[in-house]
Amino acid sequence: MRDIKSVQKIVVKVGTSTLTFEQGNLNLKRIEELVRVLSDIKNSGKQVVLVSSGAIGVGVSRLRLSERPNDIKDKQAAAAVGQCQLMSIYDEFFRRYNQVVGQVLLTKDVITNKIMHENAVNTFDALLNYGAIPIVNENDTVSTYEIMFGDNDRLSAYVANIVDADLLIMLTDIDGLYDKNPSEIDAKLISEVQEITDEIRNNAGGVGSNRGTGGMATKIAAVEIACASDTKTIVMDGSNPAAIYDVLEGAEIGTYFNVKRN
């Protein structure tokens, strides 16, 4: 059993491939399940922050584009449309469980600019103290290459640093980190990682689905960021949000990264 029952501040990151169907439309049933679980966890006395991808993917579907755009301006337009719908749905579902949410859109400036970083810390502190659930995404509508996080895996790790989270849970479309390509029949899930080695990085190679921007490699990079604040990380399959309950009870689900900062 993993010793994480005592965690009080949790960041949950959910990726586009978990939130949407293959054609890009939102998986409303799964979103509502996730919202119910997070609301229940908050009701138990823990603080919860949700980092949610999906704005560009939803915008692509909403605008009836044939594929995810490559040009920054087209991505920004899709994000502007998609973020509206995504937050509207989150707000509706969370209100059903008597929860207040607040939207926080970030660019990488929040990491590199001391004043912006301090403002972010204060905003998160205030939201959590008021009992709200911050819902975080990259500010895709204004981000350019210089101020992009690049993917929400890294963003979630930076958010974990900002709020000084005890645990980061990354919901994805794979069970966790495997010792080789998970498509190989003899591939084995790695239950716990205590050090990020070159072998671990090599095992994480490859990219994610065509609906998102990250694969396991970006999650390993995120773990290395999160450990700067001694935040434990779990990478797990997001298709069954209720499994988060078992994770918080110490069940060995997904890959547990108990990596200490140097």
Protein backbone atom coordinates (compact mmCIF):
# COMPACT_ATOMS: atom_id res chain seq x y z
CA MET A 1 0.00 0.00 0.00
CA ARG A 2 1.26 3.46 -0.87
CA ASP A 3 1.56 5.95 1.96
CA ILE A 4 -0.56 8.76 0.52
CA LYS A 5 -3.66 8.70 2.72
CA SER A 6 -2.52 11.83 4.50
CA VAL A 7 -2.31 14.06 1.41
CA GLN A 8 -4.36 17.23 1.74
CA LYS A 9 -3.73 19.25 -1.41
CA ILE A 10 -4.23 17.46 -4.72
CA VAL A 11 -3.75 18.58 -8.32
CA VAL A 12 -5.59 16.44 -10.87
CA LYS A 13 -4.65 16.77 -14.53
CA VAL A 14 -6.95 15.38 -17.21
CA GLY A 15 -5.95 15.15 -20.85
CA THR A 16 -7.88 15.72 -24.04
CA SER A 17 -7.96 12.02 -24.92
CA THR A 18 -9.67 11.31 -21.59
CA LEU A 19 -12.23 14.10 -21.94
CA THR A 20 -13.29 13.49 -25.52
CA PHE A 21 -14.38 10.82 -27.92
CA GLU A 22 -12.24 9.91 -30.92
CA GLN A 23 -13.94 12.50 -33.17
CA GLY A 24 -13.29 15.25 -30.63
CA ASN A 25 -16.73 15.60 -29.06
CA LEU A 26 -16.83 15.87 -25.27
CA ASN A 27 -17.41 12.67 -23.30
CA LEU A 28 -20.01 14.18 -20.97
CA LYS A 29 -20.53 11.01 -18.95
CA ARG A 30 -16.86 10.80 -18.07
CA ILE A 31 -16.62 14.51 -17.29
CA GLU A 32 -19.57 14.26 -14.91
CA GLU A 33 -18.02 11.20 -13.24
CA LEU A 34 -14.78 13.12 -12.76
CA VAL A 35 -16.61 16.14 -11.37
CA ARG A 36 -18.55 13.96 -8.91
CA VAL A 37 -15.36 12.29 -7.65
CA LEU A 38 -13.48 15.58 -7.25
CA SER A 39 -16.45 17.16 -5.48
CA ASP A 40 -16.61 14.23 -3.08
CA ILE A 41 -12.88 14.42 -2.39
CA LYS A 42 -13.20 18.12 -1.65
CA ASN A 43 -16.17 17.44 0.63
CA SER A 44 -13.91 15.08 2.60
CA GLY A 45 -11.77 18.06 3.58
CA LYS A 46 -9.05 18.04 0.93
CA GLN A 47 -8.18 20.90 -1.40
CA VAL A 48 -8.47 20.15 -5.11
CA VAL A 49 -7.10 21.86 -8.22
CA LEU A 50 -8.10 20.63 -11.68
CA VAL A 51 -5.80 21.14 -14.68
CA SER A 52 -7.88 20.44 -17.74
CA SER A 53 -6.87 20.12 -21.36
CA GLY A 54 -9.44 20.02 -24.11
CA ALA A 55 -10.03 23.61 -25.22
CA ILE A 56 -8.44 23.30 -28.65
CA GLY A 57 -9.89 19.83 -29.23
CA VAL A 58 -13.39 20.98 -28.31
CA GLY A 59 -12.97 24.10 -30.44
CA VAL A 60 -11.93 22.00 -33.43
CA SER A 61 -15.11 19.97 -33.06
CA ARG A 62 -17.28 23.03 -32.42
CA LEU A 63 -15.93 24.83 -35.48
CA ARG A 64 -16.34 21.63 -37.52
CA LEU A 65 -12.72 21.62 -38.63
CA SER A 66 -11.55 18.48 -40.38
CA GLU A 67 -8.40 18.21 -38.25
CA ARG A 68 -6.46 19.92 -35.47
CA PRO A 69 -4.86 23.07 -36.95
CA ASN A 70 -1.11 23.63 -37.06
CA ASP A 71 -1.00 27.43 -37.34
CA ILE A 72 -0.86 29.27 -34.01
CA LYS A 73 -3.62 31.70 -34.96
CA ASP A 74 -5.96 28.84 -35.89
CA LYS A 75 -5.15 27.01 -32.65
CA GLN A 76 -5.85 30.19 -30.72
CA ALA A 77 -9.19 30.62 -32.43
CA ALA A 78 -10.13 27.01 -31.68
CA ALA A 79 -9.05 27.47 -28.06
CA ALA A 80 -11.15 30.63 -27.68
CA VAL A 81 -14.26 28.77 -28.81
CA GLY A 82 -13.48 25.53 -27.00
CA GLN A 83 -12.57 27.07 -23.65
CA CYS A 84 -15.97 28.76 -23.42
CA GLN A 85 -17.81 25.49 -23.90
CA LEU A 86 -15.48 23.53 -21.64
CA MET A 87 -15.82 25.92 -18.70
CA SER A 88 -19.57 26.19 -19.17
CA ILE A 89 -19.89 22.42 -18.86
CA TYR A 90 -17.56 22.22 -15.85
CA ASP A 91 -19.46 25.01 -14.10
CA GLU A 92 -22.80 23.31 -14.73
CA PHE A 93 -21.64 19.92 -13.46
CA PHE A 94 -19.80 21.26 -10.40
CA ARG A 95 -22.83 23.37 -9.41
CA ARG A 96 -24.88 20.18 -9.29
CA TYR A 97 -22.59 19.10 -6.44
CA ASN A 98 -22.69 22.51 -4.76
CA GLN A 99 -19.14 23.43 -5.73
CA VAL A 100 -17.78 26.80 -6.81
CA VAL A 101 -15.16 26.86 -9.55
CA GLY A 102 -12.77 29.54 -10.76
CA GLN A 103 -11.05 29.66 -14.14
CA VAL A 104 -7.28 30.25 -14.15
CA LEU A 105 -5.55 30.63 -17.53
CA LEU A 106 -1.75 30.72 -17.39
CA THR A 107 1.21 31.36 -19.66
CA LYS A 108 4.80 30.43 -18.94
CA ASP A 109 5.42 34.01 -17.79
CA VAL A 110 4.03 32.88 -14.46
CA ILE A 111 7.19 30.80 -14.00
CA THR A 112 9.75 33.27 -15.30
CA ASN A 113 8.31 36.55 -14.01
CA LYS A 114 8.65 37.02 -10.25
CA ILE A 115 5.68 39.37 -9.90
CA MET A 116 3.37 37.22 -12.02
CA HIS A 117 4.47 34.13 -10.07
CA GLU A 118 3.66 35.84 -6.78
CA ASN A 119 0.28 36.92 -8.12
CA ALA A 120 -0.48 33.34 -9.21
CA VAL A 121 0.46 31.98 -5.78
CA ASN A 122 -1.80 34.54 -4.08
CA THR A 123 -4.71 33.89 -6.44
CA PHE A 124 -4.59 30.12 -5.91
CA ASP A 125 -4.29 30.60 -2.16
CA ALA A 126 -7.35 32.86 -2.11
CA LEU A 127 -9.43 30.52 -4.29
CA LEU A 128 -8.58 27.51 -2.15
CA ASN A 129 -9.18 29.41 1.09
CA TYR A 130 -12.61 30.44 -0.21
CA GLY A 131 -13.36 26.78 -0.86
CA ALA A 132 -13.37 27.09 -4.65
CA ILE A 133 -11.95 24.56 -7.08
CA PRO A 134 -9.53 26.26 -9.50
CA ILE A 135 -9.78 24.93 -13.06
CA VAL A 136 -6.53 25.62 -14.89
CA ASN A 137 -5.54 25.60 -18.53
CA GLU A 138 -2.85 27.21 -20.61
CA ASN A 139 -3.97 30.55 -22.03
CA ASP A 140 -3.85 29.27 -25.59
CA THR A 141 -5.56 32.35 -27.02
CA VAL A 142 -2.56 34.56 -26.26
CA SER A 143 0.30 32.07 -25.98
CA THR A 144 3.12 32.21 -28.49
CA TYR A 145 6.08 29.88 -28.69
CA GLU A 146 8.08 31.93 -26.19
CA ILE A 147 5.45 31.78 -23.45
CA MET A 148 3.92 28.34 -24.05
CA PHE A 149 4.20 25.51 -21.56
CA GLY A 150 3.96 23.24 -24.59
CA ASP A 151 1.63 20.71 -22.96
CA ASN A 152 -0.58 20.50 -19.91
CA ASP A 153 1.51 17.74 -18.34
CA ARG A 154 4.24 20.27 -17.61
CA LEU A 155 1.63 22.90 -16.77
CA SER A 156 0.12 20.63 -14.12
CA ALA A 157 3.55 20.11 -12.55
CA TYR A 158 4.19 23.85 -12.40
CA VAL A 159 0.75 24.31 -10.83
CA ALA A 160 1.66 21.65 -8.26
CA ASN A 161 4.76 23.72 -7.44
CA ILE A 162 2.77 26.97 -7.23
CA VAL A 163 0.17 25.57 -4.82
CA ASP A 164 2.68 23.35 -2.97
CA ALA A 165 0.60 20.25 -3.67
CA ASP A 166 1.11 16.97 -1.84
CA LEU A 167 0.02 14.88 -4.82
CA LEU A 168 -0.33 15.25 -8.57
CA ILE A 169 -2.63 12.76 -10.30
CA MET A 170 -2.31 12.64 -14.09
CA LEU A 171 -5.25 10.98 -15.83
CA THR A 172 -4.36 9.69 -19.27
CA ASP A 173 -5.24 7.03 -21.84
CA ILE A 174 -2.67 4.50 -20.62
CA ASP A 175 -2.31 2.57 -17.35
CA GLY A 176 1.05 4.12 -16.47
CA LEU A 177 4.71 3.66 -17.31
CA TYR A 178 5.73 0.31 -18.78
CA ASP A 179 9.16 -1.30 -18.97
CA LYS A 180 8.85 -1.36 -22.77
CA ASN A 181 6.38 -0.45 -25.48
CA PRO A 182 2.98 -1.28 -23.87
CA SER A 183 1.78 -2.76 -27.17
CA GLU A 184 4.26 -5.63 -26.71
CA ILE A 185 2.66 -8.68 -25.14
CA ASP A 186 5.28 -9.08 -22.40
CA ALA A 187 5.33 -5.41 -21.39
CA LYS A 188 4.98 -4.91 -17.63
CA LEU A 189 3.57 -1.95 -15.76
CA ILE A 190 6.09 -0.29 -13.45
CA SER A 191 4.27 0.21 -10.15
CA GLU A 192 6.68 2.63 -8.47
CA VAL A 193 9.55 4.85 -9.52
CA GLN A 194 11.85 6.48 -6.97
CA GLU A 195 14.42 7.95 -9.35
CA ILE A 196 14.18 9.27 -12.89
CA THR A 197 17.00 7.54 -14.77
CA ASP A 198 17.94 7.48 -18.45
CA GLU A 199 16.33 4.03 -18.62
CA ILE A 200 13.05 5.46 -17.31
CA ARG A 201 13.21 8.28 -19.85
CA ASN A 202 13.84 5.80 -22.66
CA ASN A 203 10.91 3.65 -21.55
CA ALA A 204 8.72 6.74 -21.75
CA GLY A 205 9.45 7.48 -25.43
CA GLY A 206 6.68 8.11 -27.94
CA VAL A 207 3.85 10.59 -28.22
CA GLY A 208 0.24 10.67 -27.19
CA SER A 209 -2.97 10.50 -29.18
CA ASN A 210 -3.74 12.76 -32.12
CA ARG A 211 -6.22 14.66 -29.95
CA GLY A 212 -3.64 15.84 -27.41
CA THR A 213 -0.05 17.06 -27.26
CA GLY A 214 1.61 14.79 -24.74
CA GLY A 215 2.72 11.20 -24.36
CA MET A 216 4.48 9.43 -21.52
CA ALA A 217 7.71 11.36 -22.20
CA THR A 218 6.03 14.65 -21.28
CA LYS A 219 4.69 13.04 -18.12
CA ILE A 220 8.19 12.04 -17.05
CA ALA A 221 9.31 15.62 -17.70
CA ALA A 222 6.37 16.77 -15.55
CA VAL A 223 7.40 14.42 -12.73
CA GLU A 224 10.86 15.98 -12.72
CA ILE A 225 9.28 19.42 -12.38
CA ALA A 226 6.84 18.31 -9.66
CA CYS A 227 9.55 16.78 -7.50
CA ALA A 228 11.05 20.27 -7.07
CA SER A 229 8.33 20.80 -4.45
CA ASP A 230 8.43 17.17 -3.25
CA THR A 231 5.07 16.54 -4.89
CA LYS A 232 4.35 12.85 -5.36
CA THR A 233 2.88 11.95 -8.77
CA ILE A 234 0.63 9.16 -10.01
CA VAL A 235 0.06 8.50 -13.71
CA MET A 236 -3.02 6.38 -14.27
CA ASP A 237 -5.76 5.48 -16.71
CA GLY A 238 -8.46 8.14 -16.67
CA SER A 239 -11.30 6.11 -18.15
CA ASN A 240 -12.67 5.32 -14.68
CA PRO A 241 -12.42 8.47 -12.51
CA ALA A 242 -13.79 6.57 -9.48
CA ALA A 243 -10.45 4.74 -9.31
CA ILE A 244 -9.07 7.94 -7.76
CA TYR A 245 -10.81 6.88 -4.54
CA ASP A 246 -8.76 3.67 -4.49
CA VAL A 247 -5.57 5.58 -5.29
CA LEU A 248 -6.11 7.85 -2.28
CA GLU A 249 -6.56 4.76 -0.12
CA GLY A 250 -3.12 3.55 -1.20
CA ALA A 251 -4.11 1.04 -3.88
CA GLU A 252 -1.38 0.23 -6.38
CA ILE A 253 -3.01 1.68 -9.48
CA GLY A 254 -0.98 3.24 -12.27
CA THR A 255 2.64 4.28 -11.74
CA TYR A 256 3.56 6.02 -8.50
CA PHE A 257 6.48 8.46 -8.76
CA ASN A 258 7.88 8.98 -5.28
CA VAL A 259 10.86 11.02 -6.47
CA LYS A 260 12.69 13.26 -4.02
CA ARG A 261 14.22 16.54 -5.11
CA ASN A 262 17.99 16.67 -5.24
